[in-house]
Amino acid sequence: MIDIALLIAVVIALTEVAKRTFRVDKKYLPLLSLGLGIIAGIVYLDGSVKDVILQGIIVGLSASGLFDQSKIVGDK
C-alpha cells in the first residue's frame, strides 16, 4: 500500500507541473489538487470505494493546503 504522505507529495508535484506546463490559472489549482487526489485515492489506495474516495479528498485538500502554505511562506 502506498503511503498517503507520498500521494500528497505526488499531487503537489503534478499540480505544479500542470501550472507551469499548461498555464492553469491559479484560482483553479485547489480544484485540480482535489481532483488529482480523488483519482490517486481511487487508483492507489486499498479499501471500499467510499473509503478510498474520502481518503482521496483528504489527499487533495492536504496537497492544496500544503501548496498554499508553502506559497505564503515563500512570499514573505
C-alpha atoms as a PDB file:
ATOM      1  CA  MET A   1       0.000   0.000   0.000  1.00  0.00           C
ATOM      2  CA  ILE A   2       1.243   3.451  -0.879  1.00  0.00           C
ATOM      3  CA  ASP A   3       1.645   5.892   1.967  1.00  0.00           C
ATOM      4  CA  ILE A   4      -0.734   8.851   1.969  1.00  0.00           C
ATOM      5  CA  ALA A   5       2.158  11.286   2.515  1.00  0.00           C
ATOM      6  CA  LEU A   6       3.713  10.055  -0.727  1.00  0.00           C
ATOM      7  CA  LEU A   7       0.434  10.621  -2.570  1.00  0.00           C
ATOM      8  CA  ILE A   8       0.237  14.153  -1.185  1.00  0.00           C
ATOM      9  CA  ALA A   9       3.757  14.872  -2.480  1.00  0.00           C
ATOM     10  CA  VAL A  10       2.892  13.430  -5.900  1.00  0.00           C
ATOM     11  CA  VAL A  11      -0.307  15.501  -6.123  1.00  0.00           C
ATOM     12  CA  ILE A  12       1.630  18.666  -5.206  1.00  0.00           C
ATOM     13  CA  ALA A  13       4.203  17.860  -7.890  1.00  0.00           C
ATOM     14  CA  LEU A  14       1.567  17.138 -10.547  1.00  0.00           C
ATOM     15  CA  THR A  15      -0.249  20.355  -9.694  1.00  0.00           C
ATOM     16  CA  GLU A  16       2.984  22.306 -10.078  1.00  0.00           C
ATOM     17  CA  VAL A  17       3.686  20.607 -13.426  1.00  0.00           C
ATOM     18  CA  ALA A  18       0.189  21.440 -14.656  1.00  0.00           C
ATOM     19  CA  LYS A  19       0.603  25.053 -13.528  1.00  0.00           C
ATOM     20  CA  ARG A  20       3.870  25.503 -15.398  1.00  0.00           C
ATOM     21  CA  THR A  21       3.153  23.367 -18.464  1.00  0.00           C
ATOM     22  CA  PHE A  22      -0.497  24.055 -19.250  1.00  0.00           C
ATOM     23  CA  ARG A  23      -0.665  27.583 -17.765  1.00  0.00           C
ATOM     24  CA  VAL A  24      -3.548  26.684 -15.429  1.00  0.00           C
ATOM     25  CA  ASP A  25      -4.966  29.751 -13.714  1.00  0.00           C
ATOM     26  CA  LYS A  26      -4.051  29.990 -10.018  1.00  0.00           C
ATOM     27  CA  LYS A  27      -7.671  30.041  -8.903  1.00  0.00           C
ATOM     28  CA  TYR A  28      -8.202  26.536 -10.327  1.00  0.00           C
ATOM     29  CA  LEU A  29      -5.166  24.910  -8.673  1.00  0.00           C
ATOM     30  CA  PRO A  30      -7.006  23.817  -5.484  1.00  0.00           C
ATOM     31  CA  LEU A  31      -9.715  22.210  -7.613  1.00  0.00           C
ATOM     32  CA  LEU A  32      -7.047  20.464  -9.683  1.00  0.00           C
ATOM     33  CA  SER A  33      -5.355  19.209  -6.499  1.00  0.00           C
ATOM     34  CA  LEU A  34      -8.672  17.895  -5.220  1.00  0.00           C
ATOM     35  CA  GLY A  35      -9.392  16.088  -8.485  1.00  0.00           C
ATOM     36  CA  LEU A  36      -5.912  14.575  -8.642  1.00  0.00           C
ATOM     37  CA  GLY A  37      -6.229  13.495  -5.002  1.00  0.00           C
ATOM     38  CA  ILE A  38      -9.515  11.714  -5.665  1.00  0.00           C
ATOM     39  CA  ILE A  39      -8.080   9.979  -8.727  1.00  0.00           C
ATOM     40  CA  ALA A  40      -4.961   8.960  -6.799  1.00  0.00           C
ATOM     41  CA  GLY A  41      -7.100   7.649  -3.952  1.00  0.00           C
ATOM     42  CA  ILE A  42      -9.214   5.520  -6.264  1.00  0.00           C
ATOM     43  CA  VAL A  43      -6.244   4.147  -8.194  1.00  0.00           C
ATOM     44  CA  TYR A  44      -3.631   3.600  -5.497  1.00  0.00           C
ATOM     45  CA  LEU A  45      -5.353   3.114  -2.140  1.00  0.00           C
ATOM     46  CA  ASP A  46      -6.987  -0.057  -0.864  1.00  0.00           C
ATOM     47  CA  GLY A  47     -10.421  -0.302   0.705  1.00  0.00           C
ATOM     48  CA  SER A  48     -14.046   0.209  -0.181  1.00  0.00           C
ATOM     49  CA  VAL A  49     -14.969   2.770  -2.804  1.00  0.00           C
ATOM     50  CA  LYS A  50     -16.365   5.149  -0.195  1.00  0.00           C
ATOM     51  CA  ASP A  51     -13.182   4.930   1.898  1.00  0.00           C
ATOM     52  CA  VAL A  52     -10.760   5.497  -0.967  1.00  0.00           C
ATOM     53  CA  ILE A  53     -12.761   8.461  -2.282  1.00  0.00           C
ATOM     54  CA  LEU A  54     -12.749  10.023   1.183  1.00  0.00           C
ATOM     55  CA  GLN A  55      -9.029   9.405   1.536  1.00  0.00           C
ATOM     56  CA  GLY A  56      -8.531  10.868  -1.945  1.00  0.00           C
ATOM     57  CA  ILE A  57     -10.401  14.003  -0.880  1.00  0.00           C
ATOM     58  CA  ILE A  58      -8.150  14.226   2.166  1.00  0.00           C
ATOM     59  CA  VAL A  59      -5.057  13.831  -0.044  1.00  0.00           C
ATOM     60  CA  GLY A  60      -6.259  16.525  -2.459  1.00  0.00           C
ATOM     61  CA  LEU A  61      -7.188  19.004   0.250  1.00  0.00           C
ATOM     62  CA  SER A  62      -3.942  18.357   2.101  1.00  0.00           C
ATOM     63  CA  ALA A  63      -1.944  18.890  -1.070  1.00  0.00           C
ATOM     64  CA  SER A  64      -3.833  22.088  -1.779  1.00  0.00           C
ATOM     65  CA  GLY A  65      -3.297  23.355   1.765  1.00  0.00           C
ATOM     66  CA  LEU A  66       0.387  22.486   1.791  1.00  0.00           C
ATOM     67  CA  PHE A  67       0.818  24.137  -1.589  1.00  0.00           C
ATOM     68  CA  ASP A  68      -0.903  27.315  -0.388  1.00  0.00           C
ATOM     69  CA  GLN A  69       1.059  27.406   2.871  1.00  0.00           C
ATOM     70  CA  SER A  70       4.381  26.990   1.079  1.00  0.00           C
ATOM     71  CA  LYS A  71       3.375  29.829  -1.250  1.00  0.00           C
ATOM     72  CA  ILE A  72       2.576  32.102   1.716  1.00  0.00           C
ATOM     73  CA  VAL A  73       5.910  31.336   3.395  1.00  0.00           C
ATOM     74  CA  GLY A  74       7.753  31.866   0.119  1.00  0.00           C
ATOM     75  CA  ASP A  75       6.147  35.278  -0.408  1.00  0.00           C
ATOM     76  CA  LYS A  76       7.400  36.626   2.929  1.00  0.00           C
END
